[in-house]
């Protein structure tokens, strides 16, 4: 099922020229559906560790045998933006850190942590310097553990999605 297939359409003036309306029907991409908060029963999910190079499409193909169900992977993890919510590949992480901090600053100290991974002052006993790259890598790696909705429940999610999106 293509994600936008069941979205409503709206009339929209694509040119935006004053006194010369030219409405066309377009898909209302601003419509959103969020996972119900009651769905926390982990019997519906399988834990998965996102490997470098995995994409929502490749996981949907692997798990559901249908790459167009990639939105189910994102939906099951409250991900609305695959560019920011999905973990970056190591190569893309390096590019991101270089751009954010500058190539010459990636190994500068971002903050200090104690043995329990709490952020502390540099003078704290046992404080360890965490570089900009290590900091961003840690944030990125935290996104790698995701929940995948088990295949036997996907038909119910799709049916509920279709019902909600047209309301």
Foldseek 3Di string as FASTA:
>chain_A
DAPQPLAAWDWDQPVPDPPDGDTDTDGPPVQDDADDPVPPPCVQWDKFFADAPDALQNVCCVQVVGSSCSVQQCRQFVHDDRVPLAFHHPVVLVVVLCVVQNPVQQFPFPFWAAPVRDTDHPPDPRTDTQGNSNVSVVVRSVSRIGIHGHNVCVVVVVVVCSVVNVD
